[in-house]
């Protein structure tokens, strides 16, 4: 209570897996550690935000039972690098 998370919720503001061939595995381990941390502290809910543009991370969250609760839109100029890549394994909730 009194934090961004609210009562009985563990909120992951930022986390990332190092890029490379093991990124998906490390991201899964990061999520498992976050779930264990939340459980050990009695949290009934774990909140972790990820851009759907980071498709592989987003799909891992969906597979683990996470569901979108806030939808945002980011706009990009044509021909410019995108902010989120499907191969980025990053949690960054922009509340």
C-alpha atoms as a PDB file:
ATOM      1  CA  UNK A   1       0.000   0.000   0.000  1.00  0.00           C
ATOM      2  CA  UNK A   2       1.164   3.518  -0.705  1.00  0.00           C
ATOM      3  CA  UNK A   3       3.431   2.533  -3.615  1.00  0.00           C
ATOM      4  CA  UNK A   4       2.955   2.368  -7.387  1.00  0.00           C
ATOM      5  CA  UNK A   5       2.029  -1.296  -6.973  1.00  0.00           C
ATOM      6  CA  UNK A   6      -0.795  -0.819  -4.494  1.00  0.00           C
ATOM      7  CA  UNK A   7      -1.799  -3.328  -1.825  1.00  0.00           C
ATOM      8  CA  UNK A   8      -0.814  -6.992  -2.085  1.00  0.00           C
ATOM      9  CA  UNK A   9       0.862  -6.450  -5.469  1.00  0.00           C
ATOM     10  CA  UNK A  10       4.492  -6.805  -6.514  1.00  0.00           C
ATOM     11  CA  UNK A  11       5.352  -4.433  -9.355  1.00  0.00           C
ATOM     12  CA  UNK A  12       8.366  -4.884 -11.644  1.00  0.00           C
ATOM     13  CA  UNK A  13       9.267  -1.385 -12.851  1.00  0.00           C
ATOM     14  CA  UNK A  14      12.279  -2.404 -14.964  1.00  0.00           C
ATOM     15  CA  UNK A  15      14.167  -5.608 -15.732  1.00  0.00           C
ATOM     16  CA  UNK A  16      16.096  -6.909 -18.727  1.00  0.00           C
ATOM     17  CA  UNK A  17      17.861 -10.020 -19.923  1.00  0.00           C
ATOM     18  CA  UNK A  18      21.241  -9.552 -21.562  1.00  0.00           C
ATOM     19  CA  UNK A  19      20.941  -9.787 -25.376  1.00  0.00           C
ATOM     20  CA  UNK A  20      22.193 -12.883 -27.146  1.00  0.00           C
ATOM     21  CA  UNK A  21      21.417 -16.523 -27.722  1.00  0.00           C
ATOM     22  CA  UNK A  22      20.406 -17.177 -24.095  1.00  0.00           C
ATOM     23  CA  UNK A  23      18.210 -14.091 -23.693  1.00  0.00           C
ATOM     24  CA  UNK A  24      14.908 -16.017 -23.812  1.00  0.00           C
ATOM     25  CA  UNK A  25      16.128 -18.500 -21.200  1.00  0.00           C
ATOM     26  CA  UNK A  26      17.439 -15.745 -18.945  1.00  0.00           C
ATOM     27  CA  UNK A  27      14.196 -13.801 -19.300  1.00  0.00           C
ATOM     28  CA  UNK A  28      12.233 -16.900 -18.229  1.00  0.00           C
ATOM     29  CA  UNK A  29      14.530 -17.217 -15.205  1.00  0.00           C
ATOM     30  CA  UNK A  30      14.011 -13.535 -14.432  1.00  0.00           C
ATOM     31  CA  UNK A  31      10.237 -14.017 -14.499  1.00  0.00           C
ATOM     32  CA  UNK A  32      10.475 -17.099 -12.288  1.00  0.00           C
ATOM     33  CA  UNK A  33      12.616 -15.178  -9.777  1.00  0.00           C
ATOM     34  CA  UNK A  34      10.109 -12.298  -9.823  1.00  0.00           C
ATOM     35  CA  UNK A  35       7.252 -14.712  -9.164  1.00  0.00           C
ATOM     36  CA  UNK A  36       9.176 -16.329  -6.290  1.00  0.00           C
ATOM     37  CA  UNK A  37      10.009 -12.918  -4.821  1.00  0.00           C
ATOM     38  CA  UNK A  38       6.364 -11.809  -4.965  1.00  0.00           C
ATOM     39  CA  UNK A  39       5.159 -15.074  -3.440  1.00  0.00           C
ATOM     40  CA  UNK A  40       7.715 -14.973  -0.616  1.00  0.00           C
ATOM     41  CA  UNK A  41       6.421 -11.533   0.352  1.00  0.00           C
ATOM     42  CA  UNK A  42       2.776 -12.534   0.282  1.00  0.00           C
ATOM     43  CA  UNK A  43       1.830 -10.591  -2.835  1.00  0.00           C
ATOM     44  CA  UNK A  44      -1.325 -11.868  -4.475  1.00  0.00           C
ATOM     45  CA  UNK A  45      -0.502 -10.274  -7.836  1.00  0.00           C
ATOM     46  CA  UNK A  46       2.639  -9.671  -9.901  1.00  0.00           C
ATOM     47  CA  UNK A  47       2.572  -6.801 -12.414  1.00  0.00           C
ATOM     48  CA  UNK A  48       5.173  -6.544 -15.199  1.00  0.00           C
ATOM     49  CA  UNK A  49       4.743  -4.367 -18.279  1.00  0.00           C
ATOM     50  CA  UNK A  50       6.247  -5.057 -21.671  1.00  0.00           C
ATOM     51  CA  UNK A  51       5.786  -3.583 -25.124  1.00  0.00           C
ATOM     52  CA  UNK A  52       3.979  -5.880 -27.555  1.00  0.00           C
ATOM     53  CA  UNK A  53       6.671  -4.762 -30.009  1.00  0.00           C
ATOM     54  CA  UNK A  54       9.025  -6.941 -27.974  1.00  0.00           C
ATOM     55  CA  UNK A  55       7.056  -9.881 -29.237  1.00  0.00           C
ATOM     56  CA  UNK A  56       9.169 -12.684 -27.741  1.00  0.00           C
ATOM     57  CA  UNK A  57       9.079 -11.192 -24.232  1.00  0.00           C
ATOM     58  CA  UNK A  58       5.371 -10.395 -24.585  1.00  0.00           C
ATOM     59  CA  UNK A  59       4.603 -13.987 -25.613  1.00  0.00           C
ATOM     60  CA  UNK A  60       6.563 -15.343 -22.638  1.00  0.00           C
ATOM     61  CA  UNK A  61       4.468 -13.200 -20.296  1.00  0.00           C
ATOM     62  CA  UNK A  62       1.229 -14.389 -21.925  1.00  0.00           C
ATOM     63  CA  UNK A  63       2.359 -18.022 -21.673  1.00  0.00           C
ATOM     64  CA  UNK A  64       2.953 -17.536 -17.932  1.00  0.00           C
ATOM     65  CA  UNK A  65      -0.580 -16.219 -17.450  1.00  0.00           C
ATOM     66  CA  UNK A  66       0.073 -12.472 -17.478  1.00  0.00           C
ATOM     67  CA  UNK A  67      -2.673 -10.429 -19.119  1.00  0.00           C
ATOM     68  CA  UNK A  68      -2.671  -6.844 -20.401  1.00  0.00           C
ATOM     69  CA  UNK A  69      -4.262  -4.339 -18.049  1.00  0.00           C
ATOM     70  CA  UNK A  70      -3.053  -1.081 -19.616  1.00  0.00           C
ATOM     71  CA  UNK A  71      -2.709  -0.528 -23.345  1.00  0.00           C
ATOM     72  CA  UNK A  72      -0.546   2.243 -24.737  1.00  0.00           C
ATOM     73  CA  UNK A  73       0.534   3.311 -28.178  1.00  0.00           C
ATOM     74  CA  UNK A  74       3.922   4.548 -29.295  1.00  0.00           C
ATOM     75  CA  UNK A  75       4.350   6.306 -32.608  1.00  0.00           C
ATOM     76  CA  UNK A  76       7.485   6.207 -34.730  1.00  0.00           C
ATOM     77  CA  UNK A  77       8.647   8.256 -37.675  1.00  0.00           C
ATOM     78  CA  UNK A  78       9.150   6.337 -40.912  1.00  0.00           C
ATOM     79  CA  UNK A  79      12.729   5.316 -41.610  1.00  0.00           C
ATOM     80  CA  UNK A  80      13.847   5.768 -37.986  1.00  0.00           C
ATOM     81  CA  UNK A  81      14.967   2.920 -35.703  1.00  0.00           C
ATOM     82  CA  UNK A  82      12.164   1.422 -33.638  1.00  0.00           C
ATOM     83  CA  UNK A  83      12.194   1.654 -29.877  1.00  0.00           C
ATOM     84  CA  UNK A  84      11.275  -2.007 -29.327  1.00  0.00           C
ATOM     85  CA  UNK A  85      12.625  -5.020 -31.193  1.00  0.00           C
ATOM     86  CA  UNK A  86      11.062  -8.518 -31.106  1.00  0.00           C
ATOM     87  CA  UNK A  87      14.384  -9.825 -29.759  1.00  0.00           C
ATOM     88  CA  UNK A  88      14.541  -7.449 -26.757  1.00  0.00           C
ATOM     89  CA  UNK A  89      13.682  -9.105 -23.463  1.00  0.00           C
ATOM     90  CA  UNK A  90      12.838  -6.028 -21.403  1.00  0.00           C
ATOM     91  CA  UNK A  91      10.194  -5.182 -18.812  1.00  0.00           C
ATOM     92  CA  UNK A  92       9.625  -1.432 -18.613  1.00  0.00           C
ATOM     93  CA  UNK A  93       6.260  -0.355 -17.337  1.00  0.00           C
ATOM     94  CA  UNK A  94       5.673   3.308 -18.245  1.00  0.00           C
ATOM     95  CA  UNK A  95       2.989   4.237 -15.739  1.00  0.00           C
END
